[in-house]
């Protein structure tokens, strides 16, 4: 029979039927599906099936992805970019998102610090006021408390244990100051009581095994003292105002935050190990009542509570103690807002742990501040209390916030 009578064109001799559709052509010389983004294509990942982060069929549009400005399934946020630190990170996880929470029932966090191996060292005090016990041990970045290699049974609850990133730490037992290098005792110094009795003490460990101690007494006198690596009292200075905070800079000097006799001014002074004053700078601080100072490799972070208690201020300092920028937070009125702790992040931003009292309600929040402006703020879930909390940035750039709840110590890890 003549093929023309069937109305069907005969197949060419070299044609094959594989059952697979050929890649589509989007224009002259372009083939969607070859993995090459040609002139007439928006994208081409070689699959083009519309999966997240890929390319839509036809190569004419991207599939949903982090950074497209739409909060897709599986995303916590999408601000239209893939930058970190602006409230939504490069993986579209919202800043302030809690990654894990771990607890140590019956204890409260005294201090925590990053160690050179990337782990975190934590000092925990027994929350029972009848038990004078303090333990120091590791906390993994997965949220696991390790076995505490150091346990002290003669450290009263409320006295300080200050940890240093070198592994040195000091214990202030009230009547004596003791220094340790990991699990080795270095020295103990009997602390004199200044008449009348001292009202506040602040001790910080230095990287060489020495320490600095600040005092403030009932008569308004403040002092800072240096102990060398052997425990000898090297020098002592009387401060021209009230000592608010003390910390150790990366070069080993002591940074003292003092409320000066001059109205509305704070002073930050750096004391070198040999007793020389490295620098002293002043900060305009209206009605400063209490303060926190944290040193960093780039300089320092300062926050202070105003005397009215309604608002607080934060500031960053250069490595010479000069003011870089400052900002004020809290809306006043019935709400009382103050800074519990502050730390300088990589890049110079600040993470601020704040406490807010609104009538009888107490809440806690974490805020990131850049150039004096709030980048993001997240309220921390109750019943966590951070009245004496700490915030640091760990070796992977995440934020660790330590406080306590009704059962004991709590540490949270959050996106920055």
Protein backbone atom coordinates (compact mmCIF):
# COMPACT_ATOMS: atom_id res chain seq x y z
CA UNK A 1 0.00 0.00 0.00
CA UNK A 2 1.22 3.48 -0.79
CA UNK A 3 2.10 5.27 2.35
CA UNK A 4 0.45 8.45 1.19
CA UNK A 5 -2.93 6.81 1.43
CA UNK A 6 -2.66 6.41 5.25
CA UNK A 7 -2.23 10.11 5.90
CA UNK A 8 0.83 9.29 8.05
CA UNK A 9 4.31 10.51 7.22
CA UNK A 10 6.88 7.70 7.28
CA UNK A 11 9.60 7.96 9.93
CA UNK A 12 13.05 8.85 8.71
CA UNK A 13 15.46 6.00 8.63
CA UNK A 14 17.88 7.49 11.21
CA UNK A 15 15.25 8.61 13.80
CA UNK A 16 15.01 6.96 17.23
CA UNK A 17 12.31 7.00 19.91
CA UNK A 18 13.93 7.07 23.38
CA UNK A 19 10.84 8.10 25.31
CA UNK A 20 12.77 11.12 26.82
CA UNK A 21 11.93 14.69 25.84
CA UNK A 22 14.78 16.71 24.46
CA UNK A 23 15.95 19.82 26.32
CA UNK A 24 13.94 22.81 25.23
CA UNK A 25 15.42 25.53 23.11
CA UNK A 26 14.85 29.06 24.40
CA UNK A 27 16.39 30.85 21.51
CA UNK A 28 18.96 30.59 18.80
CA UNK A 29 21.95 28.69 20.15
CA UNK A 30 20.54 28.25 23.70
CA UNK A 31 19.46 25.00 25.32
CA UNK A 32 17.65 24.96 28.69
CA UNK A 33 19.02 22.07 30.70
CA UNK A 34 22.63 22.06 29.61
CA UNK A 35 23.74 23.72 32.84
CA UNK A 36 24.97 26.82 31.06
CA UNK A 37 23.22 30.18 31.52
CA UNK A 38 22.97 31.36 27.96
CA UNK A 39 22.02 34.76 26.60
CA UNK A 40 18.26 34.20 26.62
CA UNK A 41 18.14 32.36 29.99
CA UNK A 42 17.72 33.70 33.51
CA UNK A 43 19.14 30.55 35.08
CA UNK A 44 20.07 26.97 34.20
CA UNK A 45 21.08 24.49 36.88
CA UNK A 46 20.89 21.46 34.59
CA UNK A 47 17.73 20.21 36.32
CA UNK A 48 15.37 23.18 36.29
CA UNK A 49 12.59 21.50 38.23
CA UNK A 50 11.66 24.46 40.44
CA UNK A 51 13.20 23.08 43.62
CA UNK A 52 14.22 25.49 46.38
CA UNK A 53 17.38 27.35 45.48
CA UNK A 54 17.29 26.19 41.87
CA UNK A 55 15.75 27.20 38.56
CA UNK A 56 12.20 27.03 37.24
CA UNK A 57 11.28 24.89 34.21
CA UNK A 58 12.01 26.74 31.00
CA UNK A 59 15.01 28.55 32.50
CA UNK A 60 13.06 31.80 32.61
CA UNK A 61 12.96 32.36 36.39
CA UNK A 62 14.66 31.37 39.59
CA UNK A 63 12.94 29.00 41.99
CA UNK A 64 12.21 30.20 45.56
CA UNK A 65 15.47 30.84 47.42
CA UNK A 66 16.89 32.61 50.44
CA UNK A 67 17.38 36.25 49.54
CA UNK A 68 14.47 36.64 47.14
CA UNK A 69 12.46 38.71 49.62
CA UNK A 70 9.73 36.10 50.10
CA UNK A 71 9.54 34.02 53.26
CA UNK A 72 9.16 30.56 51.74
CA UNK A 73 8.42 27.26 53.47
CA UNK A 74 11.32 26.34 55.75
CA UNK A 75 12.55 29.92 56.07
CA UNK A 76 12.30 31.88 59.28
CA UNK A 77 12.71 35.18 57.44
CA UNK A 78 13.79 36.65 54.10
CA UNK A 79 14.88 40.26 53.93
CA UNK A 80 15.94 40.20 50.29
CA UNK A 81 19.65 39.64 50.84
CA UNK A 82 22.04 37.01 52.15
CA UNK A 83 23.95 39.14 54.63
CA UNK A 84 24.49 38.24 58.29
CA UNK A 85 23.86 40.48 61.27
CA UNK A 86 20.93 42.47 59.90
CA UNK A 87 18.11 40.50 61.49
CA UNK A 88 18.03 37.67 58.94
CA UNK A 89 21.17 35.68 58.19
CA UNK A 90 22.55 34.19 54.98
CA UNK A 91 20.51 30.99 55.49
CA UNK A 92 17.28 32.93 56.18
CA UNK A 93 17.30 32.14 59.89
CA UNK A 94 15.99 35.06 61.92
CA UNK A 95 18.44 36.75 64.28
CA UNK A 96 17.59 35.91 67.86
CA UNK A 97 16.36 32.44 66.93
CA UNK A 98 17.11 30.07 69.80
CA UNK A 99 19.26 27.20 68.54
CA UNK A 100 19.29 25.33 71.85
CA UNK A 101 18.72 25.81 75.54
CA UNK A 102 20.54 23.83 78.20
CA UNK A 103 20.21 23.93 81.96
CA UNK A 104 22.00 22.95 85.16
CA UNK A 105 19.33 22.56 87.87
CA UNK A 106 20.39 23.72 91.30
CA UNK A 107 23.17 25.99 89.99
CA UNK A 108 23.54 29.54 88.75
CA UNK A 109 26.02 30.87 86.18
CA UNK A 110 28.73 33.11 87.61
CA UNK A 111 30.84 33.58 84.46
CA UNK A 112 31.55 32.03 81.08
CA UNK A 113 34.36 32.60 78.59
CA UNK A 114 35.68 31.27 75.28
CA UNK A 115 38.79 29.08 75.46
CA UNK A 116 41.45 28.81 72.71
CA UNK A 117 40.22 25.32 71.71
CA UNK A 118 36.79 26.72 70.79
CA UNK A 119 35.01 25.37 73.82
CA UNK A 120 33.36 27.46 76.49
CA UNK A 121 34.34 27.38 80.16
CA UNK A 122 31.57 27.99 82.69
CA UNK A 123 31.71 28.81 86.39
CA UNK A 124 28.61 27.62 88.28
CA UNK A 125 27.72 28.48 91.87
CA UNK A 126 25.43 26.30 93.97
CA UNK A 127 22.09 28.10 94.15
CA UNK A 128 21.46 26.78 97.66
CA UNK A 129 22.46 29.59 100.01
CA UNK A 130 23.35 26.99 102.63
CA UNK A 131 25.92 25.28 100.36
CA UNK A 132 29.22 27.04 99.64
CA UNK A 133 30.16 25.29 96.42
CA UNK A 134 31.38 26.40 93.01
CA UNK A 135 32.28 24.30 89.96
CA UNK A 136 34.20 25.18 86.81
CA UNK A 137 33.91 23.04 83.71
CA UNK A 138 33.35 22.96 79.94
CA UNK A 139 30.25 23.64 77.88
CA UNK A 140 30.26 22.33 74.31
CA UNK A 141 28.82 24.32 71.42
CA UNK A 142 26.18 21.58 71.21
CA UNK A 143 24.89 22.60 74.62
CA UNK A 144 26.35 19.77 76.70
CA UNK A 145 27.85 20.44 80.11
CA UNK A 146 30.98 18.36 80.60
CA UNK A 147 32.25 16.91 83.84
CA UNK A 148 33.45 19.71 86.08
CA UNK A 149 37.18 19.09 86.70
CA UNK A 150 37.26 21.77 89.41
CA UNK A 151 34.94 21.93 92.40
CA UNK A 152 35.47 24.32 95.31
CA UNK A 153 33.51 23.78 98.50
CA UNK A 154 34.51 26.95 100.31
CA UNK A 155 33.26 29.64 97.94
CA UNK A 156 30.21 31.42 99.32
CA UNK A 157 27.29 32.03 96.96
CA UNK A 158 27.47 35.60 95.70
CA UNK A 159 31.25 35.95 95.65
CA UNK A 160 32.86 36.20 92.23
CA UNK A 161 34.80 33.73 90.11
CA UNK A 162 36.28 35.50 87.13
CA UNK A 163 37.41 33.41 84.14
CA UNK A 164 40.03 34.41 81.56
CA UNK A 165 40.33 33.08 78.01
CA UNK A 166 43.89 31.91 78.74
CA UNK A 167 42.57 29.37 81.25
CA UNK A 168 43.53 31.45 84.27
CA UNK A 169 40.85 32.40 86.76
CA UNK A 170 40.55 34.01 90.17
CA UNK A 171 38.20 33.31 93.06
CA UNK A 172 37.15 36.07 95.42
CA UNK A 173 36.20 34.32 98.64
CA UNK A 174 35.45 37.55 100.48
CA UNK A 175 38.44 37.37 102.78
CA UNK A 176 40.96 36.21 100.21
CA UNK A 177 41.75 36.25 96.51
CA UNK A 178 43.07 33.05 94.89
CA UNK A 179 44.50 32.57 91.39
CA UNK A 180 44.53 29.35 89.35
CA UNK A 181 45.95 28.16 86.05
CA UNK A 182 43.48 25.52 84.88
CA UNK A 183 43.54 23.11 87.84
CA UNK A 184 46.78 24.37 89.44
CA UNK A 185 46.63 26.78 92.36
CA UNK A 186 49.05 29.68 91.85
CA UNK A 187 48.66 31.92 94.89
CA UNK A 188 46.31 33.20 97.57
CA UNK A 189 46.25 36.72 99.00
CA UNK A 190 44.49 37.79 102.17
CA UNK A 191 42.29 40.75 101.28
CA UNK A 192 42.16 43.53 103.86
CA UNK A 193 38.84 45.16 104.65
CA UNK A 194 38.98 48.89 104.20
CA UNK A 195 37.33 50.69 107.13
CA UNK A 196 34.43 50.90 107.02
CA UNK A 197 33.52 47.57 105.40
CA UNK A 198 33.76 47.43 101.61
CA UNK A 199 30.39 47.44 99.87
CA UNK A 200 31.45 46.16 96.46
CA UNK A 201 34.31 44.15 95.01
CA UNK A 202 35.21 43.31 91.46
CA UNK A 203 38.10 40.96 90.63
CA UNK A 204 39.31 39.99 87.17
CA UNK A 205 41.92 37.44 86.15
CA UNK A 206 44.74 38.43 83.83
CA UNK A 207 46.29 36.12 81.27
CA UNK A 208 49.63 35.81 83.11
CA UNK A 209 48.12 34.43 86.32
CA UNK A 210 47.88 37.79 88.02
CA UNK A 211 44.71 39.68 88.83
CA UNK A 212 43.15 43.08 89.34
CA UNK A 213 40.73 43.92 92.12
CA UNK A 214 38.51 46.97 92.45
CA UNK A 215 36.95 48.16 95.72
CA UNK A 216 34.26 50.64 96.63
CA UNK A 217 33.47 51.43 100.27
CA UNK A 218 30.71 53.10 102.26
CA UNK A 219 32.55 56.40 102.36
CA UNK A 220 32.53 56.61 98.57
CA UNK A 221 36.20 55.77 98.10
CA UNK A 222 37.20 53.49 95.22
CA UNK A 223 40.48 51.70 94.61
CA UNK A 224 42.05 49.41 92.00
CA UNK A 225 44.90 47.03 92.86
CA UNK A 226 47.22 44.88 90.77
CA UNK A 227 48.52 41.44 91.80
CA UNK A 228 51.46 40.06 89.82
CA UNK A 229 51.74 36.38 88.71
CA UNK A 230 53.32 35.44 92.06
CA UNK A 231 50.46 36.98 94.03
CA UNK A 232 52.42 39.97 95.28
CA UNK A 233 50.51 43.21 95.58
CA UNK A 234 52.25 45.32 92.96
CA UNK A 235 50.40 48.65 93.24
CA UNK A 236 47.18 50.31 94.26
CA UNK A 237 45.51 53.50 93.05
CA UNK A 238 42.75 55.54 94.61
CA UNK A 239 40.14 56.42 92.02
CA UNK A 240 38.61 59.90 91.67
CA UNK A 241 35.03 58.65 91.78
CA UNK A 242 32.88 55.56 92.12
CA UNK A 243 34.19 52.38 90.50
CA UNK A 244 31.39 50.93 88.35
CA UNK A 245 33.15 48.11 86.47
CA UNK A 246 36.54 46.52 85.85
CA UNK A 247 37.81 44.32 83.02
CA UNK A 248 41.07 43.17 81.44
CA UNK A 249 41.97 44.28 77.91
CA UNK A 250 43.65 41.99 75.38
CA UNK A 251 47.04 43.60 76.07
CA UNK A 252 46.74 42.64 79.76
CA UNK A 253 45.96 46.09 81.10
CA UNK A 254 43.06 46.80 83.46
CA UNK A 255 40.17 48.92 82.20
CA UNK A 256 38.29 50.74 84.97
CA UNK A 257 34.93 52.43 84.44
CA UNK A 258 34.49 55.24 86.97
CA UNK A 259 31.75 57.76 87.63
CA UNK A 260 33.73 60.99 87.93
CA UNK A 261 33.02 63.85 90.34
CA UNK A 262 32.22 65.97 87.29
CA UNK A 263 28.53 66.05 86.46
CA UNK A 264 27.30 63.67 83.75
CA UNK A 265 30.68 62.11 82.97
CA UNK A 266 32.19 58.65 83.08
CA UNK A 267 35.89 57.94 82.76
CA UNK A 268 37.56 54.87 81.27
CA UNK A 269 41.16 54.46 82.41
CA UNK A 270 43.65 51.81 81.31
CA UNK A 271 46.24 50.72 83.89
CA UNK A 272 49.27 48.80 82.61
CA UNK A 273 50.79 45.96 84.62
CA UNK A 274 53.59 48.20 85.86
CA UNK A 275 51.11 50.74 87.24
CA UNK A 276 51.47 53.29 84.46
CA UNK A 277 48.29 54.86 83.09
CA UNK A 278 48.08 53.92 79.41
CA UNK A 279 45.22 56.32 78.68
CA UNK A 280 42.18 57.91 80.26
CA UNK A 281 39.15 59.14 78.36
CA UNK A 282 35.82 60.62 79.32
CA UNK A 283 32.29 59.77 78.17
CA UNK A 284 29.34 62.09 78.49
CA UNK A 285 26.88 60.03 80.48
CA UNK A 286 23.77 61.75 81.72
CA UNK A 287 22.70 60.65 85.22
CA UNK A 288 24.88 57.50 85.16
CA UNK A 289 23.97 55.26 88.09
CA UNK A 290 25.59 51.87 87.39
CA UNK A 291 27.60 50.48 84.51
CA UNK A 292 29.06 47.48 82.70
CA UNK A 293 32.39 47.43 80.84
CA UNK A 294 33.55 44.58 78.60
CA UNK A 295 36.90 44.68 76.81
CA UNK A 296 37.41 43.24 73.33
CA UNK A 297 40.21 42.97 70.80
CA UNK A 298 38.81 46.04 69.00
CA UNK A 299 38.31 48.19 72.08
CA UNK A 300 35.47 47.98 74.56
CA UNK A 301 31.72 47.96 75.10
CA UNK A 302 30.11 50.08 77.81
CA UNK A 303 26.55 50.35 79.03
CA UNK A 304 25.22 52.35 81.93
CA UNK A 305 21.90 52.68 83.66
CA UNK A 306 20.52 56.14 84.20
CA UNK A 307 19.67 57.23 87.71
CA UNK A 308 15.96 57.46 86.88
CA UNK A 309 16.11 53.77 85.90
CA UNK A 310 13.82 54.20 82.90
CA UNK A 311 16.44 54.03 80.14
CA UNK A 312 20.04 53.02 79.54
CA UNK A 313 22.85 54.00 77.19
CA UNK A 314 25.45 51.95 75.35
CA UNK A 315 28.71 52.99 73.72
CA UNK A 316 31.69 51.47 71.93
CA UNK A 317 35.25 52.50 72.60
CA UNK A 318 38.34 52.30 70.44
CA UNK A 319 41.44 50.44 71.64
CA UNK A 320 42.58 53.78 73.08
CA UNK A 321 39.37 54.29 75.02
CA UNK A 322 37.95 56.91 72.64
CA UNK A 323 34.19 57.01 72.10
CA UNK A 324 33.21 55.55 68.73
CA UNK A 325 29.43 55.84 69.00
CA UNK A 326 26.65 55.69 71.57
CA UNK A 327 22.90 55.17 71.72
CA UNK A 328 20.00 55.32 74.18
CA UNK A 329 17.29 52.68 74.65
CA UNK A 330 14.10 52.30 76.65
CA UNK A 331 10.89 54.28 76.32
CA UNK A 332 10.56 55.49 79.91
CA UNK A 333 7.13 56.03 81.41
CA UNK A 334 5.95 53.03 83.38
CA UNK A 335 8.61 50.82 81.85
CA UNK A 336 12.03 50.54 83.47
CA UNK A 337 14.70 49.30 81.07
CA UNK A 338 18.33 48.70 81.91
CA UNK A 339 21.36 46.87 80.60
CA UNK A 340 22.28 43.64 82.37
CA UNK A 341 25.31 42.84 80.19
CA UNK A 342 26.89 43.84 76.89
CA UNK A 343 29.52 42.43 74.54
CA UNK A 344 31.21 43.68 71.37
CA UNK A 345 30.69 41.43 68.35
CA UNK A 346 32.95 40.85 65.38
CA UNK A 347 32.66 43.95 63.22
CA UNK A 348 32.00 46.31 66.13
CA UNK A 349 28.27 45.85 66.77
CA UNK A 350 27.03 45.30 70.33
CA UNK A 351 24.81 42.58 71.77
CA UNK A 352 22.95 43.90 74.80
CA UNK A 353 21.08 41.82 77.37
CA UNK A 354 18.38 44.02 78.86
CA UNK A 355 15.81 43.76 81.62
CA UNK A 356 12.42 45.46 81.30
CA UNK A 357 10.05 46.06 84.23
CA UNK A 358 6.52 47.08 83.26
CA UNK A 359 4.43 47.40 86.39
CA UNK A 360 4.67 43.97 88.03
CA UNK A 361 5.76 42.22 84.83
CA UNK A 362 9.46 41.53 84.26
CA UNK A 363 10.82 40.49 80.89
CA UNK A 364 14.25 40.11 79.30
CA UNK A 365 15.35 40.89 75.79
CA UNK A 366 18.43 40.60 73.60
CA UNK A 367 19.23 43.51 71.29
CA UNK A 368 21.82 44.04 68.56
CA UNK A 369 23.00 47.62 68.16
CA UNK A 370 25.05 49.12 65.33
CA UNK A 371 26.24 52.73 65.20
CA UNK A 372 23.85 53.61 68.00
CA UNK A 373 20.75 52.18 66.29
CA UNK A 374 18.90 48.96 67.08
CA UNK A 375 19.22 46.36 64.32
CA UNK A 376 16.98 43.75 65.92
CA UNK A 377 15.48 42.87 69.28
CA UNK A 378 14.01 39.61 70.54
CA UNK A 379 12.22 38.99 73.81
CA UNK A 380 13.59 35.98 75.67
CA UNK A 381 11.01 33.47 76.71
CA UNK A 382 10.04 33.35 80.40
CA UNK A 383 10.60 31.95 82.95
CA UNK A 384 14.25 32.62 82.20
CA UNK A 385 15.73 35.33 84.44
CA UNK A 386 18.88 37.24 83.56
CA UNK A 387 19.09 39.66 86.47
CA UNK A 388 22.79 38.79 86.73
CA UNK A 389 23.23 37.32 83.26
CA UNK A 390 26.07 37.19 80.75
CA UNK A 391 26.18 37.41 76.97
CA UNK A 392 29.20 36.47 74.82
CA UNK A 393 29.87 35.58 71.18
CA UNK A 394 31.24 32.06 70.80
CA UNK A 395 33.98 30.85 68.45
CA UNK A 396 31.44 30.16 65.68
CA UNK A 397 29.90 33.62 65.87
CA UNK A 398 26.71 32.60 67.68
CA UNK A 399 25.49 34.32 70.86
CA UNK A 400 25.51 32.60 74.24
CA UNK A 401 23.25 34.07 76.90
CA UNK A 402 23.49 32.77 80.46
CA UNK A 403 21.00 33.29 83.26
CA UNK A 404 18.73 31.21 85.45
CA UNK A 405 15.14 30.07 85.87
CA UNK A 406 13.18 28.65 88.79
CA UNK A 407 15.17 25.40 88.63
CA UNK A 408 18.69 26.69 88.11
CA UNK A 409 21.23 27.83 85.53
CA UNK A 410 20.18 28.29 81.91
CA UNK A 411 22.35 28.90 78.83
CA UNK A 412 20.80 29.73 75.47
CA UNK A 413 22.51 29.79 72.07
CA UNK A 414 21.02 32.19 69.53
CA UNK A 415 21.58 33.39 65.98
CA UNK A 416 23.38 36.74 65.94
